[in-house]
Each structure stands twice: as structure tokens, then as C-alpha cells.
Amino acid sequence: MNWDRVEGNWRQLRGKFKEQWGVLTESQLEIVAGKRERLIGVLQESYGISKDEAERQVKEWENSEQRAAAFEQVLRRNGELV
């Protein structure tokens, strides 16, 4: 997944992250701001998990076809994908 695009479309995508990781607060989502490493750090802190586990969860999310389809839809809406 291209995290530069995630960052650029953060306002539209943050709800998808909230669906996946429901305990994240709006202020934590502001901190993440579409950056993968920040997401991993916030997940570690919020869920009390290791960095390896947080990375595994993010990777699983990245590979999810449902999430990929949602991401593609946002890109199409923004005219970034034809």
C-alpha cells in the first residue's frame, strides 16, 4: 500500500482506521495523520501490544481486499485513479 496516498487522503480514510481499531481516539487519529510508523506506535500504546504485533496488524489491514477496495474507491472519487 502506498502510504503517501494514505497520508494525502487521510480525512477520507481515517474512518476506515477507526473501524479496524475502535479504541483509537480522534486525537490519536490526528497524531497518526496517515503515517504508517505513527499508526504502529499509537497501536502499541493503545492496545498494549508489541511493535511486532502492531506491525502484523497493520500489514494484515494493508492486505485486506476489503480495505484495498475502499482505498481504491476514495482514490477514484478524488480523481487519482482512472
PDB file of N, CA and C in Angstrom:
ATOM      1  N   MET A   1       0.837  -1.168   0.000  1.00  0.00           N
ATOM      2  CA  MET A   1       0.000   0.000   0.000  1.00  0.00           C
ATOM      3  C   MET A   1       0.886   1.236   0.000  1.00  0.00           C
ATOM      4  N   ASN A   2       0.488   2.216  -0.753  1.00  0.00           N
ATOM      5  CA  ASN A   2       1.245   3.451  -0.854  1.00  0.00           C
ATOM      6  C   ASN A   2       0.812   4.401   0.265  1.00  0.00           C
ATOM      7  N   TRP A   3       1.648   4.539   1.269  1.00  0.00           N
ATOM      8  CA  TRP A   3       1.297   5.351   2.433  1.00  0.00           C
ATOM      9  C   TRP A   3       1.350   6.836   2.138  1.00  0.00           C
ATOM     10  N   ASP A   4       2.014   7.246   1.070  1.00  0.00           N
ATOM     11  CA  ASP A   4       1.945   8.650   0.664  1.00  0.00           C
ATOM     12  C   ASP A   4       0.518   8.997   0.258  1.00  0.00           C
ATOM     13  N   ARG A   5      -0.140   8.068  -0.400  1.00  0.00           N
ATOM     14  CA  ARG A   5      -1.531   8.281  -0.791  1.00  0.00           C
ATOM     15  C   ARG A   5      -2.459   8.218   0.421  1.00  0.00           C
ATOM     16  N   VAL A   6      -2.146   7.329   1.350  1.00  0.00           N
ATOM     17  CA  VAL A   6      -2.936   7.273   2.575  1.00  0.00           C
ATOM     18  C   VAL A   6      -2.868   8.632   3.266  1.00  0.00           C
ATOM     19  N   GLU A   7      -1.657   9.151   3.383  1.00  0.00           N
ATOM     20  CA  GLU A   7      -1.472  10.447   4.032  1.00  0.00           C
ATOM     21  C   GLU A   7      -2.230  11.546   3.289  1.00  0.00           C
ATOM     22  N   GLY A   8      -2.155  11.536   1.979  1.00  0.00           N
ATOM     23  CA  GLY A   8      -2.827  12.554   1.180  1.00  0.00           C
ATOM     24  C   GLY A   8      -4.340  12.484   1.235  1.00  0.00           C
ATOM     25  N   ASN A   9      -4.872  11.322   1.550  1.00  0.00           N
ATOM     26  CA  ASN A   9      -6.325  11.122   1.610  1.00  0.00           C
ATOM     27  C   ASN A   9      -6.781  10.798   3.034  1.00  0.00           C
ATOM     28  N   TRP A  10      -6.028  11.265   3.999  1.00  0.00           N
ATOM     29  CA  TRP A  10      -6.262  10.887   5.390  1.00  0.00           C
ATOM     30  C   TRP A  10      -7.667  11.215   5.867  1.00  0.00           C
ATOM     31  N   ARG A  11      -8.192  12.375   5.525  1.00  0.00           N
ATOM     32  CA  ARG A  11      -9.527  12.755   6.007  1.00  0.00           C
ATOM     33  C   ARG A  11     -10.574  11.731   5.580  1.00  0.00           C
ATOM     34  N   GLN A  12     -10.481  11.236   4.355  1.00  0.00           N
ATOM     35  CA  GLN A  12     -11.451  10.272   3.855  1.00  0.00           C
ATOM     36  C   GLN A  12     -11.227   8.874   4.434  1.00  0.00           C
ATOM     37  N   LEU A  13      -9.988   8.548   4.735  1.00  0.00           N
ATOM     38  CA  LEU A  13      -9.660   7.179   5.146  1.00  0.00           C
ATOM     39  C   LEU A  13      -9.664   6.953   6.652  1.00  0.00           C
ATOM     40  N   ARG A  14      -9.616   7.982   7.426  1.00  0.00           N
ATOM     41  CA  ARG A  14      -9.482   7.803   8.874  1.00  0.00           C
ATOM     42  C   ARG A  14     -10.624   6.996   9.467  1.00  0.00           C
ATOM     43  N   GLY A  15     -11.818   7.095   8.905  1.00  0.00           N
ATOM     44  CA  GLY A  15     -12.943   6.288   9.381  1.00  0.00           C
ATOM     45  C   GLY A  15     -12.694   4.800   9.215  1.00  0.00           C
ATOM     46  N   LYS A  16     -11.992   4.433   8.159  1.00  0.00           N
ATOM     47  CA  LYS A  16     -11.659   3.015   7.935  1.00  0.00           C
ATOM     48  C   LYS A  16     -10.704   2.512   9.011  1.00  0.00           C
ATOM     49  N   PHE A  17      -9.798   3.371   9.436  1.00  0.00           N
ATOM     50  CA  PHE A  17      -8.877   3.002  10.514  1.00  0.00           C
ATOM     51  C   PHE A  17      -9.634   2.880  11.832  1.00  0.00           C
ATOM     52  N   LYS A  18     -10.589   3.777  12.029  1.00  0.00           N
ATOM     53  CA  LYS A  18     -11.402   3.749  13.250  1.00  0.00           C
ATOM     54  C   LYS A  18     -12.243   2.466  13.296  1.00  0.00           C
ATOM     55  N   GLU A  19     -12.731   2.015  12.151  1.00  0.00           N
ATOM     56  CA  GLU A  19     -13.482   0.750  12.084  1.00  0.00           C
ATOM     57  C   GLU A  19     -12.603  -0.423  12.509  1.00  0.00           C
ATOM     58  N   GLN A  20     -11.378  -0.424  12.055  1.00  0.00           N
ATOM     59  CA  GLN A  20     -10.459  -1.525  12.351  1.00  0.00           C
ATOM     60  C   GLN A  20      -9.977  -1.496  13.795  1.00  0.00           C
ATOM     61  N   TRP A  21      -9.619  -0.318  14.273  1.00  0.00           N
ATOM     62  CA  TRP A  21      -9.060  -0.168  15.609  1.00  0.00           C
ATOM     63  C   TRP A  21      -9.933   0.805  16.392  1.00  0.00           C
ATOM     64  N   GLY A  22     -11.041   0.303  16.912  1.00  0.00           N
ATOM     65  CA  GLY A  22     -12.086   1.121  17.509  1.00  0.00           C
ATOM     66  C   GLY A  22     -11.707   1.920  18.734  1.00  0.00           C
ATOM     67  N   VAL A  23     -10.651   1.535  19.445  1.00  0.00           N
ATOM     68  CA  VAL A  23     -10.296   2.282  20.650  1.00  0.00           C
ATOM     69  C   VAL A  23      -9.532   3.566  20.349  1.00  0.00           C
ATOM     70  N   LEU A  24      -9.107   3.749  19.106  1.00  0.00           N
ATOM     71  CA  LEU A  24      -8.356   4.948  18.776  1.00  0.00           C
ATOM     72  C   LEU A  24      -9.253   6.173  18.882  1.00  0.00           C
ATOM     73  N   THR A  25      -8.743   7.180  19.545  1.00  0.00           N
ATOM     74  CA  THR A  25      -9.487   8.426  19.719  1.00  0.00           C
ATOM     75  C   THR A  25      -9.238   9.347  18.530  1.00  0.00           C
ATOM     76  N   GLU A  26     -10.061  10.377  18.435  1.00  0.00           N
ATOM     77  CA  GLU A  26      -9.867  11.353  17.364  1.00  0.00           C
ATOM     78  C   GLU A  26      -8.498  12.031  17.481  1.00  0.00           C
ATOM     79  N   SER A  27      -8.064  12.311  18.706  1.00  0.00           N
ATOM     80  CA  SER A  27      -6.750  12.946  18.868  1.00  0.00           C
ATOM     81  C   SER A  27      -5.629  11.993  18.445  1.00  0.00           C
ATOM     82  N   GLN A  28      -5.791  10.700  18.693  1.00  0.00           N
ATOM     83  CA  GLN A  28      -4.780   9.732  18.243  1.00  0.00           C
ATOM     84  C   GLN A  28      -4.770   9.644  16.718  1.00  0.00           C
ATOM     85  N   LEU A  29      -5.949   9.689  16.107  1.00  0.00           N
ATOM     86  CA  LEU A  29      -6.016   9.666  14.654  1.00  0.00           C
ATOM     87  C   LEU A  29      -5.377  10.926  14.062  1.00  0.00           C
ATOM     88  N   GLU A  30      -5.504  12.031  14.756  1.00  0.00           N
ATOM     89  CA  GLU A  30      -4.828  13.264  14.323  1.00  0.00           C
ATOM     90  C   GLU A  30      -3.312  13.071  14.357  1.00  0.00           C
ATOM     91  N   ILE A  31      -2.830  12.405  15.392  1.00  0.00           N
ATOM     92  CA  ILE A  31      -1.390  12.136  15.518  1.00  0.00           C
ATOM     93  C   ILE A  31      -0.915  11.235  14.385  1.00  0.00           C
ATOM     94  N   VAL A  32      -1.688  10.196  14.083  1.00  0.00           N
ATOM     95  CA  VAL A  32      -1.313   9.251  13.025  1.00  0.00           C
ATOM     96  C   VAL A  32      -1.191   9.984  11.687  1.00  0.00           C
ATOM     97  N   ALA A  33      -2.189  10.772  11.355  1.00  0.00           N
ATOM     98  CA  ALA A  33      -2.178  11.609  10.141  1.00  0.00           C
ATOM     99  C   ALA A  33      -1.742  10.853   8.886  1.00  0.00           C
ATOM    100  N   GLY A  34      -2.106   9.578   8.785  1.00  0.00           N
ATOM    101  CA  GLY A  34      -1.797   8.801   7.584  1.00  0.00           C
ATOM    102  C   GLY A  34      -0.398   8.242   7.520  1.00  0.00           C
ATOM    103  N   LYS A  35       0.337   8.316   8.593  1.00  0.00           N
ATOM    104  CA  LYS A  35       1.723   7.826   8.603  1.00  0.00           C
ATOM    105  C   LYS A  35       1.784   6.452   9.275  1.00  0.00           C
ATOM    106  N   ARG A  36       2.341   5.507   8.554  1.00  0.00           N
ATOM    107  CA  ARG A  36       2.378   4.107   9.000  1.00  0.00           C
ATOM    108  C   ARG A  36       3.088   3.942  10.342  1.00  0.00           C
ATOM    109  N   GLU A  37       4.253   4.534  10.482  1.00  0.00           N
ATOM    110  CA  GLU A  37       5.029   4.362  11.718  1.00  0.00           C
ATOM    111  C   GLU A  37       4.306   4.969  12.917  1.00  0.00           C
ATOM    112  N   ARG A  38       3.632   6.089  12.685  1.00  0.00           N
ATOM    113  CA  ARG A  38       2.860   6.678  13.777  1.00  0.00           C
ATOM    114  C   ARG A  38       1.702   5.765  14.173  1.00  0.00           C
ATOM    115  N   LEU A  39       1.059   5.160  13.178  1.00  0.00           N
ATOM    116  CA  LEU A  39      -0.035   4.228  13.463  1.00  0.00           C
ATOM    117  C   LEU A  39       0.469   3.072  14.318  1.00  0.00           C
ATOM    118  N   ILE A  40       1.601   2.531  13.975  1.00  0.00           N
ATOM    119  CA  ILE A  40       2.162   1.413  14.731  1.00  0.00           C
ATOM    120  C   ILE A  40       2.418   1.839  16.172  1.00  0.00           C
ATOM    121  N   GLY A  41       2.984   3.009  16.372  1.00  0.00           N
ATOM    122  CA  GLY A  41       3.245   3.499  17.721  1.00  0.00           C
ATOM    123  C   GLY A  41       1.967   3.711  18.522  1.00  0.00           C
ATOM    124  N   VAL A  42       0.955   4.285  17.892  1.00  0.00           N
ATOM    125  CA  VAL A  42      -0.319   4.527  18.576  1.00  0.00           C
ATOM    126  C   VAL A  42      -0.994   3.206  18.909  1.00  0.00           C
ATOM    127  N   LEU A  43      -0.904   2.228  18.028  1.00  0.00           N
ATOM    128  CA  LEU A  43      -1.494   0.912  18.309  1.00  0.00           C
ATOM    129  C   LEU A  43      -0.798   0.245  19.494  1.00  0.00           C
ATOM    130  N   GLN A  44       0.522   0.337  19.534  1.00  0.00           N
ATOM    131  CA  GLN A  44       1.275  -0.229  20.659  1.00  0.00           C
ATOM    132  C   GLN A  44       0.787   0.381  21.970  1.00  0.00           C
ATOM    133  N   GLU A  45       0.678   1.693  21.981  1.00  0.00           N
ATOM    134  CA  GLU A  45       0.287   2.405  23.187  1.00  0.00           C
ATOM    135  C   GLU A  45      -1.167   2.097  23.576  1.00  0.00           C
ATOM    136  N   SER A  46      -2.059   2.146  22.615  1.00  0.00           N
ATOM    137  CA  SER A  46      -3.491   1.996  22.901  1.00  0.00           C
ATOM    138  C   SER A  46      -3.886   0.580  23.282  1.00  0.00           C
ATOM    139  N   TYR A  47      -3.262  -0.395  22.626  1.00  0.00           N
ATOM    140  CA  TYR A  47      -3.634  -1.782  22.849  1.00  0.00           C
ATOM    141  C   TYR A  47      -2.655  -2.529  23.749  1.00  0.00           C
ATOM    142  N   GLY A  48      -1.550  -1.896  24.114  1.00  0.00           N
ATOM    143  CA  GLY A  48      -0.561  -2.563  24.955  1.00  0.00           C
ATOM    144  C   GLY A  48       0.060  -3.767  24.280  1.00  0.00           C
ATOM    145  N   ILE A  49       0.359  -3.626  22.985  1.00  0.00           N
ATOM    146  CA  ILE A  49       0.931  -4.732  22.217  1.00  0.00           C
ATOM    147  C   ILE A  49       2.356  -4.386  21.799  1.00  0.00           C
ATOM    148  N   SER A  50       3.077  -5.415  21.372  1.00  0.00           N
ATOM    149  CA  SER A  50       4.457  -5.218  20.927  1.00  0.00           C
ATOM    150  C   SER A  50       4.488  -4.546  19.563  1.00  0.00           C
ATOM    151  N   LYS A  51       5.639  -4.019  19.207  1.00  0.00           N
ATOM    152  CA  LYS A  51       5.808  -3.419  17.892  1.00  0.00           C
ATOM    153  C   LYS A  51       5.570  -4.458  16.805  1.00  0.00           C
ATOM    154  N   ASP A  52       6.074  -5.673  17.009  1.00  0.00           N
ATOM    155  CA  ASP A  52       5.878  -6.737  16.023  1.00  0.00           C
ATOM    156  C   ASP A  52       4.404  -7.033  15.806  1.00  0.00           C
ATOM    157  N   GLU A  53       3.642  -7.070  16.896  1.00  0.00           N
ATOM    158  CA  GLU A  53       2.206  -7.343  16.778  1.00  0.00           C
ATOM    159  C   GLU A  53       1.499  -6.190  16.089  1.00  0.00           C
ATOM    160  N   ALA A  54       1.855  -4.957  16.421  1.00  0.00           N
ATOM    161  CA  ALA A  54       1.247  -3.794  15.765  1.00  0.00           C
ATOM    162  C   ALA A  54       1.560  -3.806  14.273  1.00  0.00           C
ATOM    163  N   GLU A  55       2.795  -4.118  13.920  1.00  0.00           N
ATOM    164  CA  GLU A  55       3.171  -4.202  12.503  1.00  0.00           C
ATOM    165  C   GLU A  55       2.402  -5.311  11.797  1.00  0.00           C
ATOM    166  N   ARG A  56       2.210  -6.434  12.476  1.00  0.00           N
ATOM    167  CA  ARG A  56       1.445  -7.537  11.888  1.00  0.00           C
ATOM    168  C   ARG A  56       0.010  -7.106  11.602  1.00  0.00           C
ATOM    169  N   GLN A  57      -0.597  -6.413  12.557  1.00  0.00           N
ATOM    170  CA  GLN A  57      -1.974  -5.965  12.372  1.00  0.00           C
ATOM    171  C   GLN A  57      -2.086  -4.963  11.221  1.00  0.00           C
ATOM    172  N   VAL A  58      -1.135  -4.054  11.132  1.00  0.00           N
ATOM    173  CA  VAL A  58      -1.157  -3.070  10.048  1.00  0.00           C
ATOM    174  C   VAL A  58      -0.968  -3.773   8.708  1.00  0.00           C
ATOM    175  N   LYS A  59      -0.052  -4.714   8.656  1.00  0.00           N
ATOM    176  CA  LYS A  59       0.186  -5.466   7.418  1.00  0.00           C
ATOM    177  C   LYS A  59      -1.071  -6.232   7.007  1.00  0.00           C
ATOM    178  N   GLU A  60      -1.731  -6.826   7.985  1.00  0.00           N
ATOM    179  CA  GLU A  60      -2.981  -7.545   7.710  1.00  0.00           C
ATOM    180  C   GLU A  60      -4.024  -6.583   7.140  1.00  0.00           C
ATOM    181  N   TRP A  61      -4.106  -5.400   7.725  1.00  0.00           N
ATOM    182  CA  TRP A  61      -5.042  -4.395   7.232  1.00  0.00           C
ATOM    183  C   TRP A  61      -4.692  -3.992   5.796  1.00  0.00           C
ATOM    184  N   GLU A  62      -3.422  -3.805   5.543  1.00  0.00           N
ATOM    185  CA  GLU A  62      -2.972  -3.413   4.201  1.00  0.00           C
ATOM    186  C   GLU A  62      -3.354  -4.460   3.160  1.00  0.00           C
ATOM    187  N   ASN A  63      -3.271  -5.713   3.562  1.00  0.00           N
ATOM    188  CA  ASN A  63      -3.514  -6.800   2.621  1.00  0.00           C
ATOM    189  C   ASN A  63      -4.987  -7.156   2.466  1.00  0.00           C
ATOM    190  N   SER A  64      -5.805  -6.586   3.269  1.00  0.00           N
ATOM    191  CA  SER A  64      -7.225  -6.897   3.224  1.00  0.00           C
ATOM    192  C   SER A  64      -7.841  -6.384   1.920  1.00  0.00           C
ATOM    193  N   GLU A  65      -8.480  -7.254   1.217  1.00  0.00           N
ATOM    194  CA  GLU A  65      -9.105  -6.854  -0.040  1.00  0.00           C
ATOM    195  C   GLU A  65     -10.204  -5.825   0.185  1.00  0.00           C
ATOM    196  N   GLN A  66     -10.910  -5.953   1.273  1.00  0.00           N
ATOM    197  CA  GLN A  66     -11.975  -5.003   1.569  1.00  0.00           C
ATOM    198  C   GLN A  66     -11.398  -3.610   1.749  1.00  0.00           C
ATOM    199  N   ARG A  67     -10.322  -3.510   2.479  1.00  0.00           N
ATOM    200  CA  ARG A  67      -9.699  -2.208   2.698  1.00  0.00           C
ATOM    201  C   ARG A  67      -9.112  -1.675   1.385  1.00  0.00           C
ATOM    202  N   ALA A  68      -8.524  -2.553   0.607  1.00  0.00           N
ATOM    203  CA  ALA A  68      -7.964  -2.132  -0.679  1.00  0.00           C
ATOM    204  C   ALA A  68      -9.063  -1.569  -1.572  1.00  0.00           C
ATOM    205  N   ALA A  69     -10.220  -2.208  -1.571  1.00  0.00           N
ATOM    206  CA  ALA A  69     -11.342  -1.726  -2.380  1.00  0.00           C
ATOM    207  C   ALA A  69     -11.817  -0.360  -1.887  1.00  0.00           C
ATOM    208  N   ALA A  70     -11.882  -0.186  -0.574  1.00  0.00           N
ATOM    209  CA  ALA A  70     -12.295   1.100  -0.010  1.00  0.00           C
ATOM    210  C   ALA A  70     -11.287   2.187  -0.376  1.00  0.00           C
ATOM    211  N   PHE A  71     -10.013   1.861  -0.298  1.00  0.00           N
ATOM    212  CA  PHE A  71      -8.958   2.802  -0.651  1.00  0.00           C
ATOM    213  C   PHE A  71      -9.062   3.174  -2.127  1.00  0.00           C
ATOM    214  N   GLU A  72      -9.283   2.193  -2.959  1.00  0.00           N
ATOM    215  CA  GLU A  72      -9.421   2.438  -4.394  1.00  0.00           C
ATOM    216  C   GLU A  72     -10.609   3.358  -4.670  1.00  0.00           C
ATOM    217  N   GLN A  73     -11.698   3.135  -3.961  1.00  0.00           N
ATOM    218  CA  GLN A  73     -12.884   3.960  -4.135  1.00  0.00           C
ATOM    219  C   GLN A  73     -12.590   5.428  -3.798  1.00  0.00           C
ATOM    220  N   VAL A  74     -11.871   5.658  -2.722  1.00  0.00           N
ATOM    221  CA  VAL A  74     -11.511   7.029  -2.336  1.00  0.00           C
ATOM    222  C   VAL A  74     -10.635   7.650  -3.406  1.00  0.00           C
ATOM    223  N   LEU A  75      -9.662   6.904  -3.908  1.00  0.00           N
ATOM    224  CA  LEU A  75      -8.782   7.435  -4.937  1.00  0.00           C
ATOM    225  C   LEU A  75      -9.564   7.786  -6.208  1.00  0.00           C
ATOM    226  N   ARG A  76     -10.502   6.937  -6.570  1.00  0.00           N
ATOM    227  CA  ARG A  76     -11.327   7.226  -7.751  1.00  0.00           C
ATOM    228  C   ARG A  76     -12.140   8.500  -7.545  1.00  0.00           C
ATOM    229  N   ARG A  77     -12.715   8.635  -6.368  1.00  0.00           N
ATOM    230  CA  ARG A  77     -13.512   9.814  -6.047  1.00  0.00           C
ATOM    231  C   ARG A  77     -12.669  11.076  -6.128  1.00  0.00           C
ATOM    232  N   ASN A  78     -11.415  10.979  -5.759  1.00  0.00           N
ATOM    233  CA  ASN A  78     -10.513  12.135  -5.779  1.00  0.00           C
ATOM    234  C   ASN A  78      -9.822  12.328  -7.124  1.00  0.00           C
ATOM    235  N   GLY A  79     -10.164  11.480  -8.100  1.00  0.00           N
ATOM    236  CA  GLY A  79      -9.601  11.603  -9.424  1.00  0.00           C
ATOM    237  C   GLY A  79      -8.165  11.151  -9.552  1.00  0.00           C
ATOM    238  N   GLU A  80      -7.665  10.408  -8.547  1.00  0.00           N
ATOM    239  CA  GLU A  80      -6.272   9.954  -8.576  1.00  0.00           C
ATOM    240  C   GLU A  80      -6.132   8.589  -9.242  1.00  0.00           C
ATOM    241  N   LEU A  81      -7.263   7.945  -9.475  1.00  0.00           N
ATOM    242  CA  LEU A  81      -7.238   6.619 -10.095  1.00  0.00           C
ATOM    243  C   LEU A  81      -8.275   6.619 -11.196  1.00  0.00           C
ATOM    244  N   VAL A  82      -7.863   6.201 -12.377  1.00  0.00           N
ATOM    245  CA  VAL A  82      -8.766   6.207 -13.515  1.00  0.00           C
ATOM    246  C   VAL A  82      -9.229   4.819 -13.810  1.00  0.00           C
TER     247      VAL A  82
END
